[in-house]
Amino acid sequence: QVQLVESGGGLVQAGGSLRLSCAASGSFFSINRMGWYRQAPGKQRELVAATTSGGSTNYADSVKGRFTISRDNAKNTVYLEMNSLKPEDTAVYYCNARTGLGSLEYDYWGQGTQVTVSS
């Protein structure tokens, strides 16, 4: 079992910055990948950024160059630094932790944190 606790988020003007944090507890040693997803009203949840235990990262095209995902292994925490925010970044952001491989993959989710970008 993995528990994820998110913090950060809030209301910011366009062009501003926010940082999200996600702390993992429980069987965090089993986590292969951690990432952030977001879901805007009426839209499907989408991957924003992810980082693997090996250190590789990937980003949605819409956030490349503006968002940075990082992790502090000592604190079992992953961060999402969001710069140059746009109104279209408004969504509920969810932390994700993936364990297992292939057919044994399992996703854990945080409770979500609201990010609102005003124009």
N, C-alpha and C. Protein backbone atom coordinates (compact mmCIF):
# COMPACT_ATOMS: atom_id res chain seq x y z
N GLN A 1 0.84 -1.19 0.00
CA GLN A 1 0.00 0.00 0.00
C GLN A 1 0.88 1.25 0.00
N VAL A 2 0.45 2.21 -0.75
CA VAL A 2 1.14 3.49 -0.83
C VAL A 2 0.12 4.58 -0.55
N GLN A 3 0.49 5.50 0.31
CA GLN A 3 -0.36 6.66 0.57
C GLN A 3 0.33 7.90 0.01
N LEU A 4 -0.45 8.75 -0.60
CA LEU A 4 0.06 9.97 -1.23
C LEU A 4 -0.65 11.18 -0.63
N VAL A 5 0.13 12.14 -0.19
CA VAL A 5 -0.43 13.36 0.37
C VAL A 5 0.10 14.54 -0.43
N GLU A 6 -0.81 15.27 -1.03
CA GLU A 6 -0.45 16.40 -1.87
C GLU A 6 -0.56 17.70 -1.10
N SER A 7 0.21 18.67 -1.54
CA SER A 7 0.10 20.02 -1.01
C SER A 7 0.48 21.00 -2.12
N GLY A 8 0.13 22.25 -1.90
CA GLY A 8 0.35 23.26 -2.92
C GLY A 8 -0.94 23.51 -3.68
N GLY A 9 -0.83 24.13 -4.79
CA GLY A 9 -2.01 24.49 -5.56
C GLY A 9 -2.59 25.79 -5.06
N GLY A 10 -3.68 26.21 -5.68
CA GLY A 10 -4.33 27.45 -5.30
C GLY A 10 -4.67 28.29 -6.50
N LEU A 11 -4.84 29.58 -6.24
CA LEU A 11 -5.22 30.53 -7.28
C LEU A 11 -4.03 31.41 -7.63
N VAL A 12 -3.77 31.57 -8.92
CA VAL A 12 -2.65 32.39 -9.36
C VAL A 12 -3.03 33.08 -10.66
N GLN A 13 -2.45 34.21 -10.90
CA GLN A 13 -2.70 34.92 -12.16
C GLN A 13 -1.88 34.30 -13.29
N ALA A 14 -2.35 34.48 -14.49
CA ALA A 14 -1.62 34.00 -15.66
C ALA A 14 -0.21 34.57 -15.66
N GLY A 15 0.73 33.69 -15.98
CA GLY A 15 2.14 34.09 -15.95
C GLY A 15 2.82 33.79 -14.63
N GLY A 16 2.03 33.44 -13.62
CA GLY A 16 2.58 33.16 -12.31
C GLY A 16 3.11 31.75 -12.18
N SER A 17 3.50 31.43 -10.95
CA SER A 17 4.11 30.13 -10.67
C SER A 17 3.48 29.49 -9.43
N LEU A 18 3.50 28.19 -9.41
CA LEU A 18 3.08 27.41 -8.26
C LEU A 18 3.95 26.16 -8.17
N ARG A 19 4.03 25.61 -6.96
CA ARG A 19 4.72 24.35 -6.78
C ARG A 19 3.83 23.38 -6.03
N LEU A 20 3.68 22.21 -6.62
CA LEU A 20 2.94 21.13 -5.98
C LEU A 20 3.92 20.14 -5.36
N SER A 21 3.53 19.59 -4.23
CA SER A 21 4.33 18.56 -3.58
C SER A 21 3.48 17.33 -3.33
N CYS A 22 4.12 16.18 -3.37
CA CYS A 22 3.42 14.92 -3.10
C CYS A 22 4.35 14.03 -2.30
N ALA A 23 3.96 13.75 -1.08
CA ALA A 23 4.76 12.90 -0.21
C ALA A 23 4.18 11.49 -0.19
N ALA A 24 5.03 10.51 -0.41
CA ALA A 24 4.60 9.11 -0.41
C ALA A 24 5.00 8.45 0.90
N SER A 25 4.11 7.61 1.38
CA SER A 25 4.41 6.81 2.58
C SER A 25 3.89 5.40 2.35
N GLY A 26 4.26 4.52 3.26
CA GLY A 26 3.86 3.12 3.09
C GLY A 26 4.93 2.38 2.32
N SER A 27 4.55 1.60 1.36
CA SER A 27 5.48 0.78 0.59
C SER A 27 6.08 1.58 -0.55
N PHE A 28 6.69 2.71 -0.21
CA PHE A 28 7.20 3.59 -1.25
C PHE A 28 8.36 2.95 -2.00
N PHE A 29 9.03 1.96 -1.40
CA PHE A 29 10.16 1.31 -2.07
C PHE A 29 9.71 0.54 -3.30
N SER A 30 8.41 0.27 -3.39
CA SER A 30 7.88 -0.49 -4.52
C SER A 30 7.47 0.40 -5.69
N ILE A 31 7.63 1.71 -5.53
CA ILE A 31 7.20 2.65 -6.56
C ILE A 31 8.19 2.67 -7.72
N ASN A 32 7.71 2.47 -8.92
CA ASN A 32 8.55 2.54 -10.12
C ASN A 32 8.53 3.92 -10.76
N ARG A 33 7.37 4.55 -10.64
CA ARG A 33 7.20 5.82 -11.30
C ARG A 33 6.27 6.70 -10.48
N MET A 34 6.56 7.97 -10.45
CA MET A 34 5.66 8.94 -9.81
C MET A 34 5.40 10.06 -10.81
N GLY A 35 4.21 10.57 -10.75
CA GLY A 35 3.88 11.61 -11.71
C GLY A 35 2.70 12.45 -11.26
N TRP A 36 2.37 13.38 -12.11
CA TRP A 36 1.24 14.26 -11.91
C TRP A 36 0.31 14.18 -13.10
N TYR A 37 -0.97 14.06 -12.81
CA TYR A 37 -2.01 14.10 -13.81
C TYR A 37 -2.90 15.30 -13.49
N ARG A 38 -3.69 15.69 -14.45
CA ARG A 38 -4.66 16.74 -14.18
C ARG A 38 -5.96 16.44 -14.93
N GLN A 39 -7.02 16.99 -14.36
CA GLN A 39 -8.33 16.82 -14.98
C GLN A 39 -9.10 18.12 -14.88
N ALA A 40 -9.41 18.66 -16.03
CA ALA A 40 -10.22 19.88 -16.11
C ALA A 40 -11.68 19.48 -16.24
N PRO A 41 -12.59 20.36 -15.89
CA PRO A 41 -14.03 20.04 -15.98
C PRO A 41 -14.40 19.61 -17.39
N GLY A 42 -15.08 18.49 -17.49
CA GLY A 42 -15.54 18.00 -18.78
C GLY A 42 -14.48 17.33 -19.63
N LYS A 43 -13.29 17.18 -19.07
CA LYS A 43 -12.21 16.57 -19.85
C LYS A 43 -11.68 15.33 -19.14
N GLN A 44 -10.98 14.51 -19.90
CA GLN A 44 -10.38 13.32 -19.32
C GLN A 44 -9.12 13.66 -18.54
N ARG A 45 -8.81 12.81 -17.59
CA ARG A 45 -7.58 12.99 -16.85
C ARG A 45 -6.41 12.77 -17.80
N GLU A 46 -5.39 13.63 -17.71
CA GLU A 46 -4.24 13.51 -18.61
C GLU A 46 -2.94 13.57 -17.83
N LEU A 47 -1.94 12.90 -18.36
CA LEU A 47 -0.62 12.93 -17.76
C LEU A 47 0.01 14.30 -18.01
N VAL A 48 0.54 14.88 -16.95
CA VAL A 48 1.26 16.16 -17.06
C VAL A 48 2.76 15.91 -17.11
N ALA A 49 3.26 15.15 -16.14
CA ALA A 49 4.69 14.87 -16.06
C ALA A 49 4.89 13.65 -15.19
N ALA A 50 5.97 12.92 -15.45
CA ALA A 50 6.27 11.74 -14.67
C ALA A 50 7.78 11.56 -14.59
N THR A 51 8.19 10.89 -13.52
CA THR A 51 9.60 10.57 -13.34
C THR A 51 9.72 9.15 -12.83
N THR A 52 10.66 8.42 -13.37
CA THR A 52 10.83 7.02 -12.98
C THR A 52 11.88 6.89 -11.87
N SER A 53 11.94 5.72 -11.30
CA SER A 53 12.93 5.46 -10.27
C SER A 53 14.34 5.56 -10.83
N GLY A 54 14.48 5.40 -12.14
CA GLY A 54 15.78 5.53 -12.78
C GLY A 54 16.16 6.96 -13.11
N GLY A 55 15.22 7.88 -12.89
CA GLY A 55 15.52 9.28 -13.08
C GLY A 55 15.06 9.88 -14.40
N SER A 56 14.49 9.07 -15.28
CA SER A 56 14.00 9.64 -16.53
C SER A 56 12.70 10.40 -16.30
N THR A 57 12.45 11.36 -17.16
CA THR A 57 11.24 12.17 -17.02
C THR A 57 10.54 12.30 -18.37
N ASN A 58 9.26 12.53 -18.33
CA ASN A 58 8.54 12.85 -19.55
C ASN A 58 7.44 13.84 -19.22
N TYR A 59 7.10 14.65 -20.21
CA TYR A 59 6.14 15.73 -20.03
C TYR A 59 5.12 15.75 -21.15
N ALA A 60 3.95 16.24 -20.82
CA ALA A 60 2.97 16.52 -21.86
C ALA A 60 3.50 17.67 -22.71
N ASP A 61 3.22 17.63 -24.00
CA ASP A 61 3.70 18.68 -24.89
C ASP A 61 3.25 20.07 -24.43
N SER A 62 2.07 20.12 -23.87
CA SER A 62 1.49 21.41 -23.48
C SER A 62 2.22 22.09 -22.32
N VAL A 63 3.05 21.34 -21.59
CA VAL A 63 3.72 21.92 -20.43
C VAL A 63 5.24 21.93 -20.58
N LYS A 64 5.74 21.36 -21.66
CA LYS A 64 7.20 21.32 -21.84
C LYS A 64 7.77 22.73 -21.85
N GLY A 65 8.86 22.89 -21.12
CA GLY A 65 9.50 24.19 -21.02
C GLY A 65 8.92 25.08 -19.95
N ARG A 66 7.78 24.71 -19.39
CA ARG A 66 7.16 25.51 -18.34
C ARG A 66 7.10 24.78 -17.01
N PHE A 67 6.89 23.47 -17.04
CA PHE A 67 6.78 22.68 -15.82
C PHE A 67 8.03 21.82 -15.66
N THR A 68 8.38 21.59 -14.41
CA THR A 68 9.50 20.71 -14.10
C THR A 68 9.12 19.77 -12.98
N ILE A 69 9.32 18.49 -13.22
CA ILE A 69 9.08 17.49 -12.18
C ILE A 69 10.41 17.09 -11.57
N SER A 70 10.42 16.95 -10.26
CA SER A 70 11.64 16.54 -9.58
C SER A 70 11.25 15.69 -8.37
N ARG A 71 12.23 14.98 -7.83
CA ARG A 71 11.94 14.16 -6.67
C ARG A 71 13.07 14.24 -5.66
N ASP A 72 12.70 14.11 -4.42
CA ASP A 72 13.64 14.06 -3.31
C ASP A 72 13.50 12.67 -2.71
N ASN A 73 14.42 11.79 -3.07
CA ASN A 73 14.30 10.41 -2.62
C ASN A 73 14.41 10.27 -1.11
N ALA A 74 15.17 11.16 -0.49
CA ALA A 74 15.32 11.09 0.96
C ALA A 74 14.00 11.37 1.67
N LYS A 75 13.18 12.22 1.04
CA LYS A 75 11.89 12.59 1.64
C LYS A 75 10.73 11.84 1.00
N ASN A 76 11.03 10.98 0.01
CA ASN A 76 9.97 10.27 -0.71
C ASN A 76 8.92 11.23 -1.24
N THR A 77 9.40 12.30 -1.79
CA THR A 77 8.51 13.38 -2.24
C THR A 77 8.81 13.74 -3.68
N VAL A 78 7.75 14.00 -4.43
CA VAL A 78 7.90 14.46 -5.79
C VAL A 78 7.28 15.84 -5.89
N TYR A 79 7.89 16.68 -6.70
CA TYR A 79 7.45 18.06 -6.84
C TYR A 79 7.10 18.35 -8.29
N LEU A 80 6.21 19.31 -8.46
CA LEU A 80 5.92 19.82 -9.79
C LEU A 80 6.01 21.33 -9.73
N GLU A 81 7.05 21.86 -10.32
CA GLU A 81 7.24 23.30 -10.40
C GLU A 81 6.56 23.78 -11.67
N MET A 82 5.62 24.69 -11.51
CA MET A 82 4.83 25.17 -12.65
C MET A 82 5.07 26.66 -12.84
N ASN A 83 5.63 27.00 -13.97
CA ASN A 83 5.92 28.40 -14.29
C ASN A 83 5.13 28.83 -15.53
N SER A 84 5.06 30.13 -15.71
CA SER A 84 4.35 30.69 -16.87
C SER A 84 2.97 30.06 -17.02
N LEU A 85 2.26 30.02 -15.95
CA LEU A 85 0.96 29.35 -15.94
C LEU A 85 -0.03 30.07 -16.84
N LYS A 86 -0.88 29.26 -17.45
CA LYS A 86 -1.90 29.76 -18.37
C LYS A 86 -3.28 29.37 -17.86
N PRO A 87 -4.31 30.10 -18.25
CA PRO A 87 -5.66 29.72 -17.81
C PRO A 87 -6.02 28.28 -18.17
N GLU A 88 -5.49 27.78 -19.28
CA GLU A 88 -5.79 26.41 -19.67
C GLU A 88 -5.10 25.37 -18.79
N ASP A 89 -4.24 25.80 -17.89
CA ASP A 89 -3.65 24.89 -16.91
C ASP A 89 -4.59 24.65 -15.73
N THR A 90 -5.67 25.38 -15.68
CA THR A 90 -6.64 25.22 -14.59
C THR A 90 -7.21 23.80 -14.59
N ALA A 91 -7.09 23.14 -13.46
CA ALA A 91 -7.56 21.75 -13.34
C ALA A 91 -7.33 21.28 -11.91
N VAL A 92 -7.86 20.11 -11.62
CA VAL A 92 -7.48 19.41 -10.40
C VAL A 92 -6.27 18.55 -10.74
N TYR A 93 -5.22 18.71 -9.96
CA TYR A 93 -3.98 17.99 -10.20
C TYR A 93 -3.88 16.83 -9.21
N TYR A 94 -3.57 15.65 -9.75
CA TYR A 94 -3.50 14.44 -8.94
C TYR A 94 -2.09 13.87 -8.98
N CYS A 95 -1.60 13.54 -7.83
CA CYS A 95 -0.34 12.82 -7.73
C CYS A 95 -0.60 11.34 -7.99
N ASN A 96 0.32 10.71 -8.68
CA ASN A 96 0.20 9.29 -9.03
C ASN A 96 1.48 8.55 -8.69
N ALA A 97 1.33 7.37 -8.15
CA ALA A 97 2.47 6.48 -7.91
C ALA A 97 2.14 5.12 -8.52
N ARG A 98 3.05 4.61 -9.31
CA ARG A 98 2.82 3.34 -9.99
C ARG A 98 3.79 2.29 -9.45
N THR A 99 3.24 1.13 -9.10
CA THR A 99 4.05 0.02 -8.65
C THR A 99 3.87 -1.15 -9.61
N GLY A 100 4.78 -2.12 -9.52
CA GLY A 100 4.65 -3.30 -10.36
C GLY A 100 5.02 -3.04 -11.80
N LEU A 101 5.01 -4.12 -12.58
CA LEU A 101 5.36 -4.06 -14.00
C LEU A 101 4.35 -4.86 -14.80
N GLY A 102 4.13 -4.42 -16.03
CA GLY A 102 3.25 -5.16 -16.94
C GLY A 102 1.87 -5.38 -16.37
N SER A 103 1.45 -6.62 -16.34
CA SER A 103 0.11 -6.94 -15.86
C SER A 103 -0.03 -6.72 -14.36
N LEU A 104 1.08 -6.53 -13.67
CA LEU A 104 1.02 -6.30 -12.23
C LEU A 104 1.09 -4.82 -11.86
N GLU A 105 1.01 -3.96 -12.86
CA GLU A 105 1.04 -2.54 -12.57
C GLU A 105 -0.17 -2.13 -11.75
N TYR A 106 0.08 -1.20 -10.82
CA TYR A 106 -1.02 -0.69 -10.00
C TYR A 106 -0.78 0.78 -9.75
N ASP A 107 -1.82 1.56 -9.88
CA ASP A 107 -1.73 3.00 -9.69
C ASP A 107 -2.37 3.42 -8.37
N TYR A 108 -1.64 4.24 -7.64
CA TYR A 108 -2.16 4.89 -6.44
C TYR A 108 -2.35 6.37 -6.76
N TRP A 109 -3.35 6.97 -6.12
CA TRP A 109 -3.68 8.37 -6.41
C TRP A 109 -3.78 9.18 -5.14
N GLY A 110 -3.37 10.44 -5.26
CA GLY A 110 -3.61 11.38 -4.19
C GLY A 110 -5.04 11.90 -4.27
N GLN A 111 -5.38 12.76 -3.32
CA GLN A 111 -6.75 13.24 -3.24
C GLN A 111 -7.05 14.35 -4.24
N GLY A 112 -6.01 14.91 -4.84
CA GLY A 112 -6.19 15.99 -5.80
C GLY A 112 -6.08 17.35 -5.15
N THR A 113 -5.52 18.27 -5.91
CA THR A 113 -5.41 19.65 -5.43
C THR A 113 -5.78 20.59 -6.59
N GLN A 114 -6.56 21.58 -6.28
CA GLN A 114 -7.06 22.48 -7.31
C GLN A 114 -6.02 23.53 -7.66
N VAL A 115 -5.82 23.70 -8.96
CA VAL A 115 -5.00 24.80 -9.48
C VAL A 115 -5.89 25.64 -10.38
N THR A 116 -5.99 26.91 -10.06
CA THR A 116 -6.81 27.83 -10.85
C THR A 116 -5.94 28.98 -11.31
N VAL A 117 -5.92 29.19 -12.62
CA VAL A 117 -5.13 30.27 -13.20
C VAL A 117 -6.09 31.29 -13.81
N SER A 118 -6.06 32.48 -13.29
CA SER A 118 -6.96 33.53 -13.78
C SER A 118 -6.28 34.34 -14.89
N SER A 119 -7.11 34.80 -15.81
CA SER A 119 -6.55 35.56 -16.95
C SER A 119 -6.49 37.05 -16.64
